[in-house]
Protein backbone atom coordinates (compact mmCIF):
# COMPACT_ATOMS: atom_id res chain seq x y z
CA MET A 1 -18.75 -9.69 22.81
CA THR A 2 -19.63 -6.80 25.11
CA ASP A 3 -18.84 -3.31 23.93
CA TYR A 4 -18.11 -1.76 27.33
CA PHE A 5 -19.41 1.79 27.56
CA SER A 6 -20.16 1.53 23.79
CA LEU A 7 -16.66 2.85 23.15
CA LEU A 8 -15.95 1.02 19.90
CA ASP A 9 -19.46 1.71 18.67
CA SER A 10 -18.88 5.43 19.27
CA ILE A 11 -15.53 5.32 17.45
CA SER A 12 -17.04 3.47 14.50
CA LYS A 13 -19.79 6.09 14.21
CA GLU A 14 -17.31 8.95 14.45
CA PHE A 15 -15.19 7.53 11.60
CA TYR A 16 -18.06 5.86 9.67
CA ILE A 17 -16.57 2.38 9.93
CA LYS A 18 -19.44 0.06 9.11
CA ARG A 19 -19.57 -3.68 9.65
CA GLY A 20 -19.85 -5.99 6.65
CA ILE A 21 -23.05 -7.97 6.26
CA GLN A 22 -21.31 -11.31 6.86
CA GLU A 23 -18.39 -9.91 8.86
CA SER A 24 -17.70 -11.32 12.30
CA GLU A 25 -17.90 -9.01 15.28
CA SER A 26 -14.24 -9.61 16.15
CA SER A 27 -13.15 -8.62 12.61
CA TRP A 28 -15.14 -5.40 12.80
CA MET A 29 -13.80 -4.60 16.28
CA SER A 30 -10.24 -5.20 15.10
CA ARG A 31 -10.75 -2.76 12.23
CA VAL A 32 -12.17 -0.10 14.56
CA ILE A 33 -9.25 -0.50 16.95
CA TYR A 34 -6.67 -0.33 14.14
CA SER A 35 -8.19 2.84 12.68
CA PHE A 36 -8.44 4.45 16.13
CA LEU A 37 -4.77 3.66 16.79
CA GLY A 38 -3.86 5.37 13.52
CA GLN A 39 -5.89 8.47 14.28
CA THR A 40 -4.42 8.58 17.79
CA GLY A 41 -0.91 8.51 16.37
CA TYR A 42 -1.77 11.19 13.81
CA SER A 43 -3.32 13.46 16.47
CA SER A 44 -0.12 13.17 18.54
CA LEU A 45 1.59 15.43 15.97
CA TRP A 46 -0.19 18.33 17.66
CA ASP A 47 0.67 17.31 21.24
CA ILE A 48 2.45 19.85 23.42
CA GLN A 49 4.85 17.88 25.59
CA GLU A 50 6.03 18.83 29.04
CA ASP A 51 9.48 19.77 27.76
CA LEU A 52 7.88 21.77 24.92
CA GLN A 53 9.61 19.53 22.39
CA PRO A 54 7.85 18.78 19.09
CA ALA A 55 6.36 15.37 18.37
CA SER A 56 8.93 12.69 17.62
CA ILE A 57 8.78 9.16 16.25
CA THR A 58 9.11 7.86 19.80
CA HIS A 59 6.23 10.01 21.02
CA PHE A 60 4.08 8.97 18.04
CA LYS A 61 4.67 5.28 18.70
CA ARG A 62 4.22 5.50 22.46
CA ARG A 63 0.82 7.13 22.05
CA ILE A 64 -0.27 4.23 19.84
CA GLU A 65 1.20 1.58 22.15
CA SER A 66 -0.36 3.01 25.32
CA THR A 67 -3.72 3.35 23.56
CA LEU A 68 -3.62 -0.25 22.36
CA GLU A 69 -2.71 -1.48 25.82
CA SER A 70 -5.66 0.43 27.31
CA LEU A 71 -8.10 -0.88 24.70
CA LEU A 72 -7.02 -4.47 25.24
CA ASP A 73 -7.50 -3.99 28.99
CA ILE A 74 -11.10 -2.98 28.23
CA TYR A 75 -11.58 -5.68 25.59
CA PRO A 76 -9.48 -8.69 26.73
CA GLU A 77 -11.33 -10.86 24.21
CA MET A 78 -9.41 -8.96 21.50
CA ILE A 79 -5.95 -9.81 22.86
CA SER A 80 -5.58 -12.80 20.54
CA ALA A 81 -6.30 -10.62 17.50
CA PHE A 82 -3.33 -8.31 18.08
CA SER A 83 0.33 -9.03 18.57
CA LEU A 84 1.33 -8.34 22.15
CA GLU A 85 4.50 -6.81 20.76
CA TYR A 86 2.89 -3.37 20.77
CA GLU A 87 5.92 -1.85 19.06
CA GLN A 88 5.13 -4.02 16.03
CA GLN A 89 1.74 -2.34 15.72
CA SER A 90 3.05 1.19 16.18
CA SER A 91 5.93 0.60 13.75
CA GLU A 92 3.56 -0.68 11.05
CA ILE A 93 1.24 2.31 11.42
CA PHE A 94 4.18 4.71 11.34
CA ARG A 95 5.57 2.98 8.24
CA VAL A 96 2.26 3.27 6.39
CA PHE A 97 1.88 6.93 7.32
CA LYS A 98 5.45 7.80 6.41
CA GLU A 99 5.63 5.92 3.11
CA SER A 100 2.27 7.29 1.94
CA GLY A 101 3.24 10.90 2.74
CA THR A 102 0.70 11.20 5.55
CA VAL A 103 3.40 12.30 8.01
CA TYR A 104 6.79 13.82 7.29
CA HIS A 105 9.91 13.05 9.28
CA GLN A 106 11.96 16.19 9.63
CA PRO A 107 15.08 16.51 11.81
CA ASN A 108 14.08 15.62 15.37
CA ARG A 109 10.35 15.88 14.75
CA LEU A 110 7.29 14.61 12.92
CA VAL A 111 4.95 16.99 11.14
CA ALA A 112 1.76 16.78 9.13
CA PRO A 113 2.11 17.62 5.42
CA GLN A 114 0.54 20.59 3.73
CA ARG A 115 -3.15 20.05 3.13
CA LYS A 116 -4.04 18.43 -0.18
CA VAL A 117 -7.21 16.80 -1.45
CA GLY A 118 -7.58 14.16 -4.14
CA VAL A 119 -10.84 13.46 -5.90
CA GLY A 120 -12.31 10.12 -6.89
CA ILE A 121 -15.69 9.18 -8.31
CA ASN A 122 -17.17 8.59 -4.86
CA ASN A 123 -14.94 10.40 -2.39
CA ILE A 124 -12.57 13.24 -1.60
CA TYR A 125 -9.26 11.97 -0.14
CA LEU A 126 -7.43 13.98 2.51
CA ARG A 127 -3.79 14.61 3.28
CA GLY A 128 -2.69 17.04 5.96
CA ASN A 129 -6.21 17.30 7.38
CA THR A 130 -6.77 18.78 10.82
CA ILE A 131 -7.82 16.50 13.67
CA SER A 132 -10.92 18.59 14.35
CA GLU A 133 -12.60 18.21 10.96
CA LYS A 134 -15.22 15.61 10.25
CA ARG A 135 -13.74 12.67 8.39
CA TYR A 136 -14.45 9.13 7.29
CA VAL A 137 -11.70 6.53 7.82
CA SER A 138 -10.84 3.46 5.76
CA GLY A 139 -7.88 1.67 7.30
CA LEU A 140 -5.66 4.60 8.26
CA GLY A 141 -6.67 7.00 5.48
CA CYS A 142 -9.13 9.87 5.78
CA TYR A 143 -11.75 10.86 3.24
CA TYR A 144 -15.32 12.07 2.89
CA PRO A 145 -18.04 11.60 0.27
CA VAL A 146 -17.88 13.85 -2.79
CA GLN A 147 -21.39 15.13 -2.27
CA GLN A 148 -20.62 16.35 1.25
CA GLU A 149 -18.87 19.52 0.07
CA ALA A 150 -16.65 20.83 -2.69
CA GLU A 151 -13.07 21.94 -2.20
CA ASN A 152 -10.92 24.02 -4.48
CA LYS A 153 -7.48 22.97 -5.69
CA ARG A 154 -8.36 19.29 -5.96
CA VAL A 155 -6.13 16.85 -7.83
CA SER A 156 -6.68 13.32 -9.08
CA LEU A 157 -5.75 10.31 -6.97
CA SER A 158 -2.95 9.61 -9.44
CA GLU A 159 -1.47 13.06 -8.93
CA MET A 160 -1.92 13.02 -5.18
CA PHE A 161 -0.17 9.67 -4.68
CA LEU A 162 2.24 9.84 -7.65
CA LEU A 163 0.68 6.81 -9.31
CA GLN A 164 1.63 5.67 -12.78
CA LYS A 165 -0.58 7.27 -15.44
CA GLN A 166 0.91 5.74 -18.58
CA PRO A 167 -0.76 2.48 -19.68
CA PHE A 168 1.34 -0.65 -19.25
CA PHE A 169 1.62 -1.34 -22.97
CA ASP A 170 3.07 2.12 -23.66
CA THR A 171 5.40 1.86 -20.65
CA TRP A 172 6.91 -1.43 -21.79
CA LYS A 173 7.08 -0.41 -25.44
CA GLY A 174 8.92 2.79 -24.49
CA ILE A 175 11.47 0.99 -22.28
CA VAL A 176 12.24 -1.65 -24.91
CA SER A 177 12.58 0.96 -27.68
CA GLN A 178 15.33 2.71 -25.71
CA ALA A 179 17.36 -0.43 -25.05
CA HIS A 180 21.05 -0.53 -25.99
CA TRP A 181 21.81 -4.22 -26.41
CA SER A 182 25.18 -5.79 -25.76
CA GLU A 183 26.25 -9.40 -25.34
CA TYR A 184 26.93 -10.42 -21.78
CA SER A 185 29.80 -12.79 -21.20
CA GLY A 186 30.42 -12.33 -17.47
CA VAL A 187 30.36 -15.03 -14.83
CA THR A 188 27.97 -13.48 -12.30
CA ALA A 189 24.69 -15.38 -12.25
CA PHE A 190 21.48 -13.57 -13.10
CA GLN A 191 18.01 -13.95 -11.71
CA TYR A 192 15.25 -13.80 -14.32
CA LEU A 193 11.70 -12.51 -14.02
CA ARG A 194 9.16 -15.30 -13.82
CA LEU A 195 6.76 -14.67 -16.71
CA LYS A 196 4.18 -17.37 -16.02
CA PRO A 197 2.32 -18.49 -12.93
CA PRO A 198 2.45 -19.86 -10.34
CA PHE A 199 4.08 -16.83 -8.78
CA GLY A 200 3.96 -18.36 -5.32
CA TYR A 201 7.43 -19.78 -6.01
CA GLY A 202 8.78 -16.22 -6.16
CA TYR A 203 8.90 -13.47 -8.76
CA TRP A 204 12.40 -14.48 -9.91
CA LYS A 205 13.90 -17.70 -11.19
CA ASP A 206 17.38 -19.02 -12.03
CA THR A 207 16.86 -19.91 -15.68
CA PRO A 208 16.19 -17.50 -18.58
CA ASP A 209 13.43 -17.72 -21.14
CA LEU A 210 15.10 -18.77 -24.40
CA ASP A 211 12.55 -17.70 -27.00
CA ASP A 212 13.91 -14.19 -27.68
CA THR A 213 11.30 -12.67 -25.37
CA VAL A 214 12.35 -9.32 -23.92
CA SER A 215 12.08 -9.55 -20.16
CA LEU A 216 13.80 -8.45 -16.95
CA ALA A 217 16.90 -9.86 -15.29
CA ARG A 218 18.83 -8.76 -12.26
CA ARG A 219 22.30 -9.32 -10.91
CA VAL A 220 22.57 -9.44 -7.13
CA VAL A 221 25.91 -8.83 -5.44
CA PRO A 222 26.55 -7.82 -1.81
CA GLY A 223 25.29 -4.29 -1.35
CA ALA A 224 23.83 -3.80 -4.83
CA THR A 225 21.23 -5.10 -7.25
CA THR A 226 21.44 -4.14 -10.93
CA TYR A 227 18.50 -4.59 -13.29
CA TYR A 228 18.56 -5.25 -17.03
CA LEU A 229 16.36 -5.89 -19.98
CA TYR A 230 17.45 -9.20 -21.48
CA ARG A 231 16.92 -11.37 -24.53
CA ALA A 232 18.23 -14.92 -24.63
CA VAL A 233 18.69 -16.49 -28.04
CA LYS A 234 20.19 -19.98 -27.96
CA GLU A 235 23.45 -19.50 -26.04
CA ARG A 236 23.72 -15.72 -26.47
CA MET A 237 22.60 -13.39 -23.71
CA LEU A 238 21.84 -9.82 -24.79
CA VAL A 239 21.35 -7.27 -22.02
CA SER A 240 20.59 -3.59 -21.65
CA GLN A 241 21.21 -2.11 -18.22
CA LEU A 242 18.37 -0.10 -16.71
CA PRO A 243 19.00 3.17 -14.83
CA ALA A 244 19.00 2.84 -11.05
CA TRP A 245 16.24 5.40 -10.56
CA MET A 246 13.82 3.06 -12.35
CA THR A 247 14.53 0.10 -10.11
CA THR A 248 15.47 1.44 -6.66
CA GLU A 249 13.94 -0.58 -3.82
CA TYR A 250 10.76 -2.08 -5.31
CA ASP A 251 10.36 0.38 -8.17
CA TYR A 252 11.20 -2.49 -10.54
CA ARG A 253 7.62 -3.69 -10.02
CA ARG A 254 6.42 -0.90 -12.28
CA LEU A 255 8.40 -2.62 -15.06
CA SER A 256 7.62 -6.19 -14.03
CA ASN A 257 3.89 -5.48 -13.97
CA ALA A 258 4.14 -3.87 -17.42
CA CYS A 259 6.17 -6.79 -18.75
CA LEU A 260 3.68 -9.39 -17.51
CA TYR A 261 0.78 -7.33 -18.83
CA THR A 262 2.38 -7.30 -22.27
CA GLN A 263 2.84 -11.08 -22.05
CA LYS A 264 -0.81 -11.40 -20.96
CA THR A 265 0.25 -13.19 -17.77
CA LEU A 266 -0.28 -10.45 -15.16
CA PRO A 267 -2.77 -12.04 -12.76
CA PRO A 268 -5.79 -9.93 -11.80
CA SER A 269 -6.49 -9.04 -8.22
CA THR A 270 -9.68 -10.59 -6.91
CA TYR A 271 -12.24 -9.13 -4.55
CA SER A 272 -15.54 -9.89 -2.86
CA ILE A 273 -18.07 -7.33 -1.68
CA ASP A 274 -19.71 -7.69 1.74
CA GLY A 275 -21.99 -4.69 2.00
CA ASP A 276 -19.91 -1.71 3.07
CA VAL A 277 -16.59 -3.56 2.99
CA VAL A 278 -14.55 -5.26 0.28
CA TYR A 279 -12.11 -8.12 0.76
CA LEU A 280 -9.21 -7.65 -1.65
CA HIS A 281 -6.68 -10.31 -2.65
CA ILE A 282 -3.70 -8.84 -4.48
CA ALA A 283 -2.38 -11.60 -6.75
CA TYR A 284 0.81 -9.79 -7.82
CA LEU A 285 2.23 -6.97 -5.73
CA TYR A 286 1.88 -3.42 -7.00
CA PRO A 287 4.72 -0.88 -7.30
CA PRO A 288 5.50 1.13 -4.13
CA GLU A 289 3.26 4.14 -4.78
CA GLU A 290 0.22 2.04 -5.65
CA LEU A 291 0.84 -0.34 -2.75
CA ASN A 292 1.27 2.57 -0.33
CA LEU A 293 -2.13 3.93 -1.37
CA ILE A 294 -3.71 0.51 -0.78
CA ARG A 295 -2.02 0.16 2.60
CA LEU A 296 -3.15 3.61 3.72
CA TYR A 297 -6.80 3.14 2.82
CA SER A 298 -7.25 -0.46 3.92
CA TRP A 299 -7.10 -2.70 6.94
CA PRO A 300 -4.76 -5.70 7.04
CA ASN A 301 -6.38 -9.10 7.04
CA ALA A 302 -4.56 -9.91 10.29
CA TYR A 303 -2.80 -7.86 12.98
CA ILE A 304 -0.16 -10.36 14.08
CA ASP A 305 2.57 -10.40 11.45
CA TYR A 306 3.58 -7.59 9.10
CA PRO A 307 3.80 -6.81 6.27
CA ASN A 308 0.40 -8.14 5.33
CA ASP A 309 0.16 -6.85 1.78
CA PHE A 310 -1.65 -9.53 -0.23
CA ARG A 311 -4.98 -9.55 1.60
CA ARG A 312 -6.64 -6.30 2.63
CA ILE A 313 -10.07 -5.02 3.68
CA MET A 314 -11.40 -1.70 2.40
CA SER A 315 -14.44 0.52 2.48
CA THR A 316 -16.49 -0.37 -0.61
CA SER A 317 -16.71 3.19 -1.93
CA VAL A 318 -12.96 3.69 -1.46
CA PHE A 319 -12.21 0.44 -3.25
CA GLU A 320 -14.36 1.48 -6.20
CA ASP A 321 -12.36 4.72 -6.56
CA ILE A 322 -8.99 2.98 -6.37
CA LYS A 323 -10.11 0.19 -8.70
CA SER A 324 -11.23 2.64 -11.40
CA THR A 325 -7.97 4.59 -11.06
CA PHE A 326 -5.79 1.47 -11.34
CA GLU A 327 -7.73 0.11 -14.29
CA THR A 328 -6.72 3.08 -16.47
CA THR A 329 -3.14 1.79 -16.25
CA GLY A 330 -4.02 -1.80 -17.06
CA TYR A 331 -4.53 -3.48 -13.70
CA GLN A 332 -7.40 -5.93 -13.68
CA PHE A 333 -9.84 -6.88 -10.93
CA VAL A 334 -12.16 -9.88 -10.88
CA GLU A 335 -15.06 -10.21 -8.49
CA GLU A 336 -15.23 -13.58 -6.77
């Protein structure tokens, strides 16, 4: 492929996006384009528009879409790598930024958050950075090596991204110890957490485990999903309802991961190292905060359909920081 005017090469050098040893040129170019789209959207927060209005979601997305269209005009060989529904690309980038706290949506405008830095073993991670400062980019997230400089008021990655700090065993033990059991005799069907692989059939099943194991169940009715601890002994179903704040949206995964860990059935994520990049395969999805961190600091494996959460590509040094942080909770990683 021809890098016209060395544009992508210049972008990759500016953001320190290196090509893997065995990585194809098209994969590397896709990663450079994706990161540049993200930085273009982020820089649009400081745009002064003709009507003097602050940056909006529409303005943010249009900057990304027009940039992608221009890049694909220059590199038509990359058209097949990206969905031609440009709004799909801009919406995904906005979602990752918003859910990771990289941009804030205030009434009628988008703003950058207050500056904060998180420290890992290898790198300093940036939130609310200016567009003029030197930065490395992995996926959409900005960082720089620890040895480059020291900053005051640094926090851990766990604090910065509100990750779980308590080990899985303690989390599950604490939840179970607070249970208030009652026999359930209703008629609404439950869905029960699948405790053993394969998990490709879904994380929930229609039949309970009948060996007195404490696990998770949920009751789904139009407009609401209620989660419970449950124990099934012969024909008796004992349940203890969980508070909504523990299980809103996908927060239940914090409990399901802890439950599987306690049962010794939580599958490890696998990864392979290719020089400066790592290919990560998430075997069982993380809770929202952990997944948002992964999304921010990684590239999707493909740029056609979203979400693309199970397979990601990351800078090797960034992966090492996130891996060591996750392992303190109980997550496991196996190199392929």
